[in-house]
mmCIF file of all heavy atoms, coordinates in Angstrom:
data_MODEL
# 
_entry.id   MODEL 
# 
loop_
_atom_site.group_PDB 
_atom_site.id 
_atom_site.type_symbol 
_atom_site.label_atom_id 
_atom_site.label_alt_id 
_atom_site.label_comp_id 
_atom_site.label_asym_id 
_atom_site.label_entity_id 
_atom_site.label_seq_id 
_atom_site.pdbx_PDB_ins_code 
_atom_site.Cartn_x 
_atom_site.Cartn_y 
_atom_site.Cartn_z 
_atom_site.occupancy 
_atom_site.B_iso_or_equiv 
_atom_site.pdbx_formal_charge 
_atom_site.auth_seq_id 
_atom_site.auth_comp_id 
_atom_site.auth_asym_id 
_atom_site.auth_atom_id 
_atom_site.pdbx_PDB_model_num 
ATOM 1   N N   . GLY A 1 1  ? 0.541   -12.129 -6.406 1.00 0.00 ? 1  GLY A N   1 
ATOM 2   C CA  . GLY A 1 1  ? 1.873   -12.451 -5.865 1.00 0.00 ? 1  GLY A CA  1 
ATOM 3   C C   . GLY A 1 1  ? 2.569   -11.181 -5.308 1.00 0.00 ? 1  GLY A C   1 
ATOM 4   O O   . GLY A 1 1  ? 3.180   -11.095 -4.303 1.00 0.00 ? 1  GLY A O   1 
ATOM 5   N N   . LEU A 1 2  ? 2.384   -10.085 -6.098 1.00 0.00 ? 2  LEU A N   1 
ATOM 6   C CA  . LEU A 1 2  ? 2.916   -8.786  -5.661 1.00 0.00 ? 2  LEU A CA  1 
ATOM 7   C C   . LEU A 1 2  ? 2.215   -8.309  -4.466 1.00 0.00 ? 2  LEU A C   1 
ATOM 8   O O   . LEU A 1 2  ? 2.966   -7.743  -3.520 1.00 0.00 ? 2  LEU A O   1 
ATOM 9   C CB  . LEU A 1 2  ? 2.849   -7.715  -6.774 1.00 0.00 ? 2  LEU A CB  1 
ATOM 10  C CG  . LEU A 1 2  ? 3.676   -7.971  -8.042 1.00 0.00 ? 2  LEU A CG  1 
ATOM 11  C CD1 . LEU A 1 2  ? 3.377   -6.840  -9.044 1.00 0.00 ? 2  LEU A CD1 1 
ATOM 12  C CD2 . LEU A 1 2  ? 5.157   -7.962  -7.672 1.00 0.00 ? 2  LEU A CD2 1 
ATOM 13  N N   . LYS A 1 3  ? 0.942   -8.460  -4.357 1.00 0.00 ? 3  LYS A N   1 
ATOM 14  C CA  . LYS A 1 3  ? 0.204   -7.971  -3.173 1.00 0.00 ? 3  LYS A CA  1 
ATOM 15  C C   . LYS A 1 3  ? 0.656   -8.756  -1.905 1.00 0.00 ? 3  LYS A C   1 
ATOM 16  O O   . LYS A 1 3  ? 0.878   -8.132  -0.871 1.00 0.00 ? 3  LYS A O   1 
ATOM 17  C CB  . LYS A 1 3  ? -1.292  -8.177  -3.300 1.00 0.00 ? 3  LYS A CB  1 
ATOM 18  C CG  . LYS A 1 3  ? -1.973  -7.169  -4.170 1.00 0.00 ? 3  LYS A CG  1 
ATOM 19  C CD  . LYS A 1 3  ? -3.491  -7.187  -3.999 1.00 0.00 ? 3  LYS A CD  1 
ATOM 20  C CE  . LYS A 1 3  ? -4.138  -8.494  -4.525 1.00 0.00 ? 3  LYS A CE  1 
ATOM 21  N NZ  . LYS A 1 3  ? -5.590  -8.486  -4.339 1.00 0.00 ? 3  LYS A NZ  1 
ATOM 22  N N   . GLU A 1 4  ? 0.882   -10.064 -2.115 1.00 0.00 ? 4  GLU A N   1 
ATOM 23  C CA  . GLU A 1 4  ? 1.334   -10.865 -0.900 1.00 0.00 ? 4  GLU A CA  1 
ATOM 24  C C   . GLU A 1 4  ? 2.796   -10.386 -0.485 1.00 0.00 ? 4  GLU A C   1 
ATOM 25  O O   . GLU A 1 4  ? 3.034   -10.265 0.671  1.00 0.00 ? 4  GLU A O   1 
ATOM 26  C CB  . GLU A 1 4  ? 1.396   -12.306 -1.315 1.00 0.00 ? 4  GLU A CB  1 
ATOM 27  C CG  . GLU A 1 4  ? 2.046   -13.268 -0.315 1.00 0.00 ? 4  GLU A CG  1 
ATOM 28  C CD  . GLU A 1 4  ? 1.355   -13.241 1.065  1.00 0.00 ? 4  GLU A CD  1 
ATOM 29  O OE1 . GLU A 1 4  ? 0.158   -12.934 1.115  1.00 0.00 ? 4  GLU A OE1 1 
ATOM 30  O OE2 . GLU A 1 4  ? 2.057   -13.497 2.070  1.00 0.00 ? 4  GLU A OE2 1 
ATOM 31  N N   . ALA A 1 5  ? 3.657   -10.144 -1.468 1.00 0.00 ? 5  ALA A N   1 
ATOM 32  C CA  . ALA A 1 5  ? 4.955   -9.668  -1.152 1.00 0.00 ? 5  ALA A CA  1 
ATOM 33  C C   . ALA A 1 5  ? 5.031   -8.320  -0.529 1.00 0.00 ? 5  ALA A C   1 
ATOM 34  O O   . ALA A 1 5  ? 5.829   -8.018  0.324  1.00 0.00 ? 5  ALA A O   1 
ATOM 35  C CB  . ALA A 1 5  ? 5.880   -9.692  -2.395 1.00 0.00 ? 5  ALA A CB  1 
ATOM 36  N N   . ALA A 1 6  ? 4.075   -7.463  -0.883 1.00 0.00 ? 6  ALA A N   1 
ATOM 37  C CA  . ALA A 1 6  ? 3.978   -6.146  -0.224 1.00 0.00 ? 6  ALA A CA  1 
ATOM 38  C C   . ALA A 1 6  ? 3.380   -6.191  1.169  1.00 0.00 ? 6  ALA A C   1 
ATOM 39  O O   . ALA A 1 6  ? 3.828   -5.477  2.019  1.00 0.00 ? 6  ALA A O   1 
ATOM 40  C CB  . ALA A 1 6  ? 3.154   -5.201  -1.116 1.00 0.00 ? 6  ALA A CB  1 
ATOM 41  N N   . GLN A 1 7  ? 2.420   -7.090  1.317  1.00 0.00 ? 7  GLN A N   1 
ATOM 42  C CA  . GLN A 1 7  ? 1.655   -7.076  2.610  1.00 0.00 ? 7  GLN A CA  1 
ATOM 43  C C   . GLN A 1 7  ? 2.011   -8.200  3.583  1.00 0.00 ? 7  GLN A C   1 
ATOM 44  O O   . GLN A 1 7  ? 1.712   -8.082  4.751  1.00 0.00 ? 7  GLN A O   1 
ATOM 45  C CB  . GLN A 1 7  ? 0.168   -7.171  2.298  1.00 0.00 ? 7  GLN A CB  1 
ATOM 46  C CG  . GLN A 1 7  ? -0.507  -6.061  1.566  1.00 0.00 ? 7  GLN A CG  1 
ATOM 47  C CD  . GLN A 1 7  ? -1.914  -6.300  1.279  1.00 0.00 ? 7  GLN A CD  1 
ATOM 48  O OE1 . GLN A 1 7  ? -2.270  -6.966  0.284  1.00 0.00 ? 7  GLN A OE1 1 
ATOM 49  N NE2 . GLN A 1 7  ? -2.734  -5.742  2.116  1.00 0.00 ? 7  GLN A NE2 1 
ATOM 50  N N   . GLY A 1 8  ? 2.567   -9.242  3.061  1.00 0.00 ? 8  GLY A N   1 
ATOM 51  C CA  . GLY A 1 8  ? 2.807   -10.439 3.884  1.00 0.00 ? 8  GLY A CA  1 
ATOM 52  C C   . GLY A 1 8  ? 4.108   -10.404 4.723  1.00 0.00 ? 8  GLY A C   1 
ATOM 53  O O   . GLY A 1 8  ? 4.745   -9.306  4.721  1.00 0.00 ? 8  GLY A O   1 
ATOM 54  N N   . PRO A 1 9  ? 4.434   -11.509 5.272  1.00 0.00 ? 9  PRO A N   1 
ATOM 55  C CA  . PRO A 1 9  ? 5.680   -11.598 6.007  1.00 0.00 ? 9  PRO A CA  1 
ATOM 56  C C   . PRO A 1 9  ? 6.900   -11.321 5.172  1.00 0.00 ? 9  PRO A C   1 
ATOM 57  O O   . PRO A 1 9  ? 6.860   -11.590 3.973  1.00 0.00 ? 9  PRO A O   1 
ATOM 58  C CB  . PRO A 1 9  ? 5.696   -13.070 6.590  1.00 0.00 ? 9  PRO A CB  1 
ATOM 59  C CG  . PRO A 1 9  ? 4.281   -13.497 6.492  1.00 0.00 ? 9  PRO A CG  1 
ATOM 60  C CD  . PRO A 1 9  ? 3.650   -12.758 5.268  1.00 0.00 ? 9  PRO A CD  1 
ATOM 61  N N   . GLY A 1 10 ? 7.920   -10.763 5.769  1.00 0.00 ? 10 GLY A N   1 
ATOM 62  C CA  . GLY A 1 10 ? 9.206   -10.446 5.067  1.00 0.00 ? 10 GLY A CA  1 
ATOM 63  C C   . GLY A 1 10 ? 9.935   -9.348  5.647  1.00 0.00 ? 10 GLY A C   1 
ATOM 64  O O   . GLY A 1 10 ? 9.598   -8.796  6.656  1.00 0.00 ? 10 GLY A O   1 
ATOM 65  N N   . LYS A 1 11 ? 10.934  -8.900  4.929  1.00 0.00 ? 11 LYS A N   1 
ATOM 66  C CA  . LYS A 1 11 ? 11.804  -7.842  5.404  1.00 0.00 ? 11 LYS A CA  1 
ATOM 67  C C   . LYS A 1 11 ? 11.047  -6.506  5.472  1.00 0.00 ? 11 LYS A C   1 
ATOM 68  O O   . LYS A 1 11 ? 10.361  -6.164  4.531  1.00 0.00 ? 11 LYS A O   1 
ATOM 69  C CB  . LYS A 1 11 ? 12.980  -7.681  4.484  1.00 0.00 ? 11 LYS A CB  1 
ATOM 70  C CG  . LYS A 1 11 ? 14.070  -6.681  4.854  1.00 0.00 ? 11 LYS A CG  1 
ATOM 71  C CD  . LYS A 1 11 ? 15.191  -6.605  3.930  1.00 0.00 ? 11 LYS A CD  1 
ATOM 72  C CE  . LYS A 1 11 ? 16.150  -5.521  4.303  1.00 0.00 ? 11 LYS A CE  1 
ATOM 73  N NZ  . LYS A 1 11 ? 17.327  -5.426  3.283  1.00 0.00 ? 11 LYS A NZ  1 
ATOM 74  N N   . GLY A 1 12 ? 11.190  -5.769  6.581  1.00 0.00 ? 12 GLY A N   1 
ATOM 75  C CA  . GLY A 1 12 ? 10.537  -4.461  6.822  1.00 0.00 ? 12 GLY A CA  1 
ATOM 76  C C   . GLY A 1 12 ? 9.145   -4.605  7.208  1.00 0.00 ? 12 GLY A C   1 
ATOM 77  O O   . GLY A 1 12 ? 8.545   -5.683  7.349  1.00 0.00 ? 12 GLY A O   1 
ATOM 78  N N   . ARG A 1 13 ? 8.471   -3.476  7.348  1.00 0.00 ? 13 ARG A N   1 
ATOM 79  C CA  . ARG A 1 13 ? 7.072   -3.488  7.826  1.00 0.00 ? 13 ARG A CA  1 
ATOM 80  C C   . ARG A 1 13 ? 6.133   -3.805  6.649  1.00 0.00 ? 13 ARG A C   1 
ATOM 81  O O   . ARG A 1 13 ? 6.313   -3.204  5.570  1.00 0.00 ? 13 ARG A O   1 
ATOM 82  C CB  . ARG A 1 13 ? 6.705   -2.055  8.395  1.00 0.00 ? 13 ARG A CB  1 
ATOM 83  C CG  . ARG A 1 13 ? 7.592   -1.528  9.416  1.00 0.00 ? 13 ARG A CG  1 
ATOM 84  C CD  . ARG A 1 13 ? 7.261   -0.018  9.689  1.00 0.00 ? 13 ARG A CD  1 
ATOM 85  N NE  . ARG A 1 13 ? 8.082   0.465   10.751 1.00 0.00 ? 13 ARG A NE  1 
ATOM 86  C CZ  . ARG A 1 13 ? 9.254   0.974   10.590 1.00 0.00 ? 13 ARG A CZ  1 
ATOM 87  N NH1 . ARG A 1 13 ? 9.838   1.032   9.367  1.00 0.00 ? 13 ARG A NH1 1 
ATOM 88  N NH2 . ARG A 1 13 ? 9.931   1.562   11.581 1.00 0.00 ? 13 ARG A NH2 1 
ATOM 89  N N   . PRO A 1 14 ? 5.185   -4.612  6.821  1.00 0.00 ? 14 PRO A N   1 
ATOM 90  C CA  . PRO A 1 14 ? 4.171   -4.919  5.697  1.00 0.00 ? 14 PRO A CA  1 
ATOM 91  C C   . PRO A 1 14 ? 3.523   -3.580  5.271  1.00 0.00 ? 14 PRO A C   1 
ATOM 92  O O   . PRO A 1 14 ? 3.148   -2.733  6.109  1.00 0.00 ? 14 PRO A O   1 
ATOM 93  C CB  . PRO A 1 14 ? 3.216   -5.914  6.391  1.00 0.00 ? 14 PRO A CB  1 
ATOM 94  C CG  . PRO A 1 14 ? 3.977   -6.512  7.455  1.00 0.00 ? 14 PRO A CG  1 
ATOM 95  C CD  . PRO A 1 14 ? 4.949   -5.428  8.019  1.00 0.00 ? 14 PRO A CD  1 
ATOM 96  N N   . ALA A 1 15 ? 3.330   -3.487  3.970  1.00 0.00 ? 15 ALA A N   1 
ATOM 97  C CA  . ALA A 1 15 ? 2.629   -2.273  3.475  1.00 0.00 ? 15 ALA A CA  1 
ATOM 98  C C   . ALA A 1 15 ? 1.141   -2.387  3.794  1.00 0.00 ? 15 ALA A C   1 
ATOM 99  O O   . ALA A 1 15 ? 0.630   -3.476  3.944  1.00 0.00 ? 15 ALA A O   1 
ATOM 100 C CB  . ALA A 1 15 ? 2.881   -2.165  1.950  1.00 0.00 ? 15 ALA A CB  1 
ATOM 101 N N   . ILE A 1 16 ? 0.454   -1.237  3.994  1.00 0.00 ? 16 ILE A N   1 
ATOM 102 C CA  . ILE A 1 16 ? -0.993  -1.222  4.195  1.00 0.00 ? 16 ILE A CA  1 
ATOM 103 C C   . ILE A 1 16 ? -1.645  -0.821  2.848  1.00 0.00 ? 16 ILE A C   1 
ATOM 104 O O   . ILE A 1 16 ? -1.326  0.184   2.314  1.00 0.00 ? 16 ILE A O   1 
ATOM 105 C CB  . ILE A 1 16 ? -1.273  -0.187  5.312  1.00 0.00 ? 16 ILE A CB  1 
ATOM 106 C CG1 . ILE A 1 16 ? -0.653  -0.612  6.634  1.00 0.00 ? 16 ILE A CG1 1 
ATOM 107 C CG2 . ILE A 1 16 ? -2.762  -0.083  5.484  1.00 0.00 ? 16 ILE A CG2 1 
ATOM 108 C CD1 . ILE A 1 16 ? -0.829  0.339   7.735  1.00 0.00 ? 16 ILE A CD1 1 
ATOM 109 N N   . LEU A 1 17 ? -2.571  -1.672  2.479  1.00 0.00 ? 17 LEU A N   1 
ATOM 110 C CA  . LEU A 1 17 ? -3.255  -1.504  1.194  1.00 0.00 ? 17 LEU A CA  1 
ATOM 111 C C   . LEU A 1 17 ? -4.769  -1.092  1.484  1.00 0.00 ? 17 LEU A C   1 
ATOM 112 O O   . LEU A 1 17 ? -5.499  -1.799  2.132  1.00 0.00 ? 17 LEU A O   1 
ATOM 113 C CB  . LEU A 1 17 ? -3.240  -2.787  0.372  1.00 0.00 ? 17 LEU A CB  1 
ATOM 114 C CG  . LEU A 1 17 ? -4.042  -2.755  -0.957 1.00 0.00 ? 17 LEU A CG  1 
ATOM 115 C CD1 . LEU A 1 17 ? -3.648  -1.641  -1.841 1.00 0.00 ? 17 LEU A CD1 1 
ATOM 116 C CD2 . LEU A 1 17 ? -4.005  -4.085  -1.615 1.00 0.00 ? 17 LEU A CD2 1 
ATOM 117 N N   . HIS A 1 18 ? -5.144  0.037   1.045  1.00 0.00 ? 18 HIS A N   1 
ATOM 118 C CA  . HIS A 1 18 ? -6.478  0.561   1.232  1.00 0.00 ? 18 HIS A CA  1 
ATOM 119 C C   . HIS A 1 18 ? -7.241  0.384   -0.116 1.00 0.00 ? 18 HIS A C   1 
ATOM 120 O O   . HIS A 1 18 ? -6.983  1.120   -1.066 1.00 0.00 ? 18 HIS A O   1 
ATOM 121 C CB  . HIS A 1 18 ? -6.469  2.120   1.579  1.00 0.00 ? 18 HIS A CB  1 
ATOM 122 C CG  . HIS A 1 18 ? -5.770  2.372   2.854  1.00 0.00 ? 18 HIS A CG  1 
ATOM 123 N ND1 . HIS A 1 18 ? -6.312  2.146   4.140  1.00 0.00 ? 18 HIS A ND1 1 
ATOM 124 C CD2 . HIS A 1 18 ? -4.493  2.868   3.063  1.00 0.00 ? 18 HIS A CD2 1 
ATOM 125 C CE1 . HIS A 1 18 ? -5.411  2.463   5.086  1.00 0.00 ? 18 HIS A CE1 1 
ATOM 126 N NE2 . HIS A 1 18 ? -4.284  2.913   4.431  1.00 0.00 ? 18 HIS A NE2 1 
ATOM 127 N N   . LYS A 1 19 ? -8.220  -0.538  -0.158 1.00 0.00 ? 19 LYS A N   1 
ATOM 128 C CA  . LYS A 1 19 ? -9.011  -0.741  -1.391 1.00 0.00 ? 19 LYS A CA  1 
ATOM 129 C C   . LYS A 1 19 ? -10.140 0.214   -1.400 1.00 0.00 ? 19 LYS A C   1 
ATOM 130 O O   . LYS A 1 19 ? -10.528 0.711   -0.297 1.00 0.00 ? 19 LYS A O   1 
ATOM 131 C CB  . LYS A 1 19 ? -9.409  -2.156  -1.458 1.00 0.00 ? 19 LYS A CB  1 
ATOM 132 C CG  . LYS A 1 19 ? -8.349  -3.212  -1.414 1.00 0.00 ? 19 LYS A CG  1 
ATOM 133 C CD  . LYS A 1 19 ? -8.946  -4.580  -1.428 1.00 0.00 ? 19 LYS A CD  1 
ATOM 134 C CE  . LYS A 1 19 ? -7.832  -5.703  -1.344 1.00 0.00 ? 19 LYS A CE  1 
ATOM 135 N NZ  . LYS A 1 19 ? -8.397  -7.061  -1.258 1.00 0.00 ? 19 LYS A NZ  1 
ATOM 136 N N   . ALA A 1 20 ? -10.744 0.373   -2.517 1.00 0.00 ? 20 ALA A N   1 
ATOM 137 C CA  . ALA A 1 20 ? -11.922 1.270   -2.732 1.00 0.00 ? 20 ALA A CA  1 
ATOM 138 C C   . ALA A 1 20 ? -11.727 2.607   -2.035 1.00 0.00 ? 20 ALA A C   1 
ATOM 139 O O   . ALA A 1 20 ? -12.578 3.163   -1.310 1.00 0.00 ? 20 ALA A O   1 
ATOM 140 C CB  . ALA A 1 20 ? -13.201 0.606   -2.140 1.00 0.00 ? 20 ALA A CB  1 
ATOM 141 N N   . SER A 1 21 ? -10.489 3.149   -2.214 1.00 0.00 ? 21 SER A N   1 
ATOM 142 C CA  . SER A 1 21 ? -10.028 4.442   -1.608 1.00 0.00 ? 21 SER A CA  1 
ATOM 143 C C   . SER A 1 21 ? -9.730  5.326   -2.686 1.00 0.00 ? 21 SER A C   1 
ATOM 144 O O   . SER A 1 21 ? -8.500  5.469   -3.113 1.00 0.00 ? 21 SER A O   1 
ATOM 145 C CB  . SER A 1 21 ? -8.977  4.213   -0.595 1.00 0.00 ? 21 SER A CB  1 
ATOM 146 O OG  . SER A 1 21 ? -9.346  3.446   0.452  1.00 0.00 ? 21 SER A OG  1 
ATOM 147 N N   . LYS A 1 22 ? -10.655 6.073   -3.259 1.00 0.00 ? 22 LYS A N   1 
ATOM 148 C CA  . LYS A 1 22 ? -10.421 6.957   -4.360 1.00 0.00 ? 22 LYS A CA  1 
ATOM 149 C C   . LYS A 1 22 ? -9.754  8.190   -3.905 1.00 0.00 ? 22 LYS A C   1 
ATOM 150 O O   . LYS A 1 22 ? -10.220 8.907   -3.059 1.00 0.00 ? 22 LYS A O   1 
ATOM 151 C CB  . LYS A 1 22 ? -11.799 7.280   -5.092 1.00 0.00 ? 22 LYS A CB  1 
ATOM 152 C CG  . LYS A 1 22 ? -11.569 8.201   -6.306 1.00 0.00 ? 22 LYS A CG  1 
ATOM 153 C CD  . LYS A 1 22 ? -12.848 8.408   -7.013 1.00 0.00 ? 22 LYS A CD  1 
ATOM 154 C CE  . LYS A 1 22 ? -12.743 9.309   -8.218 1.00 0.00 ? 22 LYS A CE  1 
ATOM 155 N NZ  . LYS A 1 22 ? -14.039 9.599   -8.821 1.00 0.00 ? 22 LYS A NZ  1 
ATOM 156 N N   . VAL A 1 23 ? -8.612  8.548   -4.600 1.00 0.00 ? 23 VAL A N   1 
ATOM 157 C CA  . VAL A 1 23 ? -7.893  9.754   -4.245 1.00 0.00 ? 23 VAL A CA  1 
ATOM 158 C C   . VAL A 1 23 ? -8.437  10.752  -5.165 1.00 0.00 ? 23 VAL A C   1 
ATOM 159 O O   . VAL A 1 23 ? -8.412  10.740  -6.426 1.00 0.00 ? 23 VAL A O   1 
ATOM 160 C CB  . VAL A 1 23 ? -6.375  9.588   -4.438 1.00 0.00 ? 23 VAL A CB  1 
ATOM 161 C CG1 . VAL A 1 23 ? -5.664  10.897  -4.284 1.00 0.00 ? 23 VAL A CG1 1 
ATOM 162 C CG2 . VAL A 1 23 ? -5.827  8.494   -3.427 1.00 0.00 ? 23 VAL A CG2 1 
ATOM 163 N N   . VAL A 1 24 ? -8.871  11.994  -4.604 1.00 0.00 ? 24 VAL A N   1 
ATOM 164 C CA  . VAL A 1 24 ? -9.423  13.066  -5.378 1.00 0.00 ? 24 VAL A CA  1 
ATOM 165 C C   . VAL A 1 24 ? -8.463  14.262  -5.485 1.00 0.00 ? 24 VAL A C   1 
ATOM 166 O O   . VAL A 1 24 ? -8.688  15.123  -6.319 1.00 0.00 ? 24 VAL A O   1 
ATOM 167 C CB  . VAL A 1 24 ? -10.748 13.451  -4.844 1.00 0.00 ? 24 VAL A CB  1 
ATOM 168 C CG1 . VAL A 1 24 ? -11.778 12.332  -4.919 1.00 0.00 ? 24 VAL A CG1 1 
ATOM 169 C CG2 . VAL A 1 24 ? -10.681 14.021  -3.368 1.00 0.00 ? 24 VAL A CG2 1 
ATOM 170 N N   . ASP A 1 25 ? -7.459  14.340  -4.684 1.00 0.00 ? 25 ASP A N   1 
ATOM 171 C CA  . ASP A 1 25 ? -6.449  15.334  -4.735 1.00 0.00 ? 25 ASP A CA  1 
ATOM 172 C C   . ASP A 1 25 ? -5.210  14.968  -4.060 1.00 0.00 ? 25 ASP A C   1 
ATOM 173 O O   . ASP A 1 25 ? -5.178  14.114  -3.239 1.00 0.00 ? 25 ASP A O   1 
ATOM 174 C CB  . ASP A 1 25 ? -6.965  16.665  -4.064 1.00 0.00 ? 25 ASP A CB  1 
ATOM 175 C CG  . ASP A 1 25 ? -6.238  17.924  -4.453 1.00 0.00 ? 25 ASP A CG  1 
ATOM 176 O OD1 . ASP A 1 25 ? -5.516  17.830  -5.445 1.00 0.00 ? 25 ASP A OD1 1 
ATOM 177 O OD2 . ASP A 1 25 ? -6.356  18.912  -3.819 1.00 0.00 ? 25 ASP A OD2 1 
ATOM 178 N N   . VAL A 1 26 ? -4.066  15.583  -4.492 1.00 0.00 ? 26 VAL A N   1 
ATOM 179 C CA  . VAL A 1 26 ? -2.748  15.349  -3.928 1.00 0.00 ? 26 VAL A CA  1 
ATOM 180 C C   . VAL A 1 26 ? -2.063  16.662  -3.761 1.00 0.00 ? 26 VAL A C   1 
ATOM 181 O O   . VAL A 1 26 ? -2.327  17.592  -4.535 1.00 0.00 ? 26 VAL A O   1 
ATOM 182 C CB  . VAL A 1 26 ? -1.883  14.316  -4.665 1.00 0.00 ? 26 VAL A CB  1 
ATOM 183 C CG1 . VAL A 1 26 ? -2.487  12.939  -4.707 1.00 0.00 ? 26 VAL A CG1 1 
ATOM 184 C CG2 . VAL A 1 26 ? -1.570  14.869  -6.055 1.00 0.00 ? 26 VAL A CG2 1 
ATOM 185 N N   . ASP A 1 27 ? -1.130  16.749  -2.834 1.00 0.00 ? 27 ASP A N   1 
ATOM 186 C CA  . ASP A 1 27 ? -0.262  17.934  -2.679 1.00 0.00 ? 27 ASP A CA  1 
ATOM 187 C C   . ASP A 1 27 ? 1.207   17.527  -2.697 1.00 0.00 ? 27 ASP A C   1 
ATOM 188 O O   . ASP A 1 27 ? 1.656   16.912  -1.734 1.00 0.00 ? 27 ASP A O   1 
ATOM 189 C CB  . ASP A 1 27 ? -0.531  18.647  -1.386 1.00 0.00 ? 27 ASP A CB  1 
ATOM 190 C CG  . ASP A 1 27 ? 0.141   20.009  -1.167 1.00 0.00 ? 27 ASP A CG  1 
ATOM 191 O OD1 . ASP A 1 27 ? 1.227   20.113  -1.776 1.00 0.00 ? 27 ASP A OD1 1 
ATOM 192 O OD2 . ASP A 1 27 ? -0.407  20.949  -0.575 1.00 0.00 ? 27 ASP A OD2 1 
ATOM 193 N N   . PRO A 1 28 ? 1.874   17.786  -3.801 1.00 0.00 ? 28 PRO A N   1 
ATOM 194 C CA  . PRO A 1 28 ? 3.283   17.349  -3.965 1.00 0.00 ? 28 PRO A CA  1 
ATOM 195 C C   . PRO A 1 28 ? 4.189   17.988  -2.861 1.00 0.00 ? 28 PRO A C   1 
ATOM 196 O O   . PRO A 1 28 ? 5.260   17.417  -2.598 1.00 0.00 ? 28 PRO A O   1 
ATOM 197 C CB  . PRO A 1 28 ? 3.687   17.807  -5.379 1.00 0.00 ? 28 PRO A CB  1 
ATOM 198 C CG  . PRO A 1 28 ? 2.349   18.026  -6.074 1.00 0.00 ? 28 PRO A CG  1 
ATOM 199 C CD  . PRO A 1 28 ? 1.420   18.500  -5.003 1.00 0.00 ? 28 PRO A CD  1 
ATOM 200 N N   . HIS A 1 29 ? 3.855   19.124  -2.387 1.00 0.00 ? 29 HIS A N   1 
ATOM 201 C CA  . HIS A 1 29 ? 4.775   19.880  -1.416 1.00 0.00 ? 29 HIS A CA  1 
ATOM 202 C C   . HIS A 1 29 ? 4.530   19.424  -0.046 1.00 0.00 ? 29 HIS A C   1 
ATOM 203 O O   . HIS A 1 29 ? 5.496   19.332  0.740  1.00 0.00 ? 29 HIS A O   1 
ATOM 204 C CB  . HIS A 1 29 ? 4.519   21.358  -1.599 1.00 0.00 ? 29 HIS A CB  1 
ATOM 205 C CG  . HIS A 1 29 ? 4.614   21.900  -2.953 1.00 0.00 ? 29 HIS A CG  1 
ATOM 206 N ND1 . HIS A 1 29 ? 5.860   21.959  -3.650 1.00 0.00 ? 29 HIS A ND1 1 
ATOM 207 C CD2 . HIS A 1 29 ? 3.728   22.282  -3.847 1.00 0.00 ? 29 HIS A CD2 1 
ATOM 208 C CE1 . HIS A 1 29 ? 5.625   22.454  -4.851 1.00 0.00 ? 29 HIS A CE1 1 
ATOM 209 N NE2 . HIS A 1 29 ? 4.321   22.595  -5.044 1.00 0.00 ? 29 HIS A NE2 1 
# 
């Protein structure tokens, strides 16, 4: 239900969900 609310029709742009996308590093700055 949360995935549908994030990606489906509704207020604002639908979020884009990337599955099987392992993050190995981030840069907070």
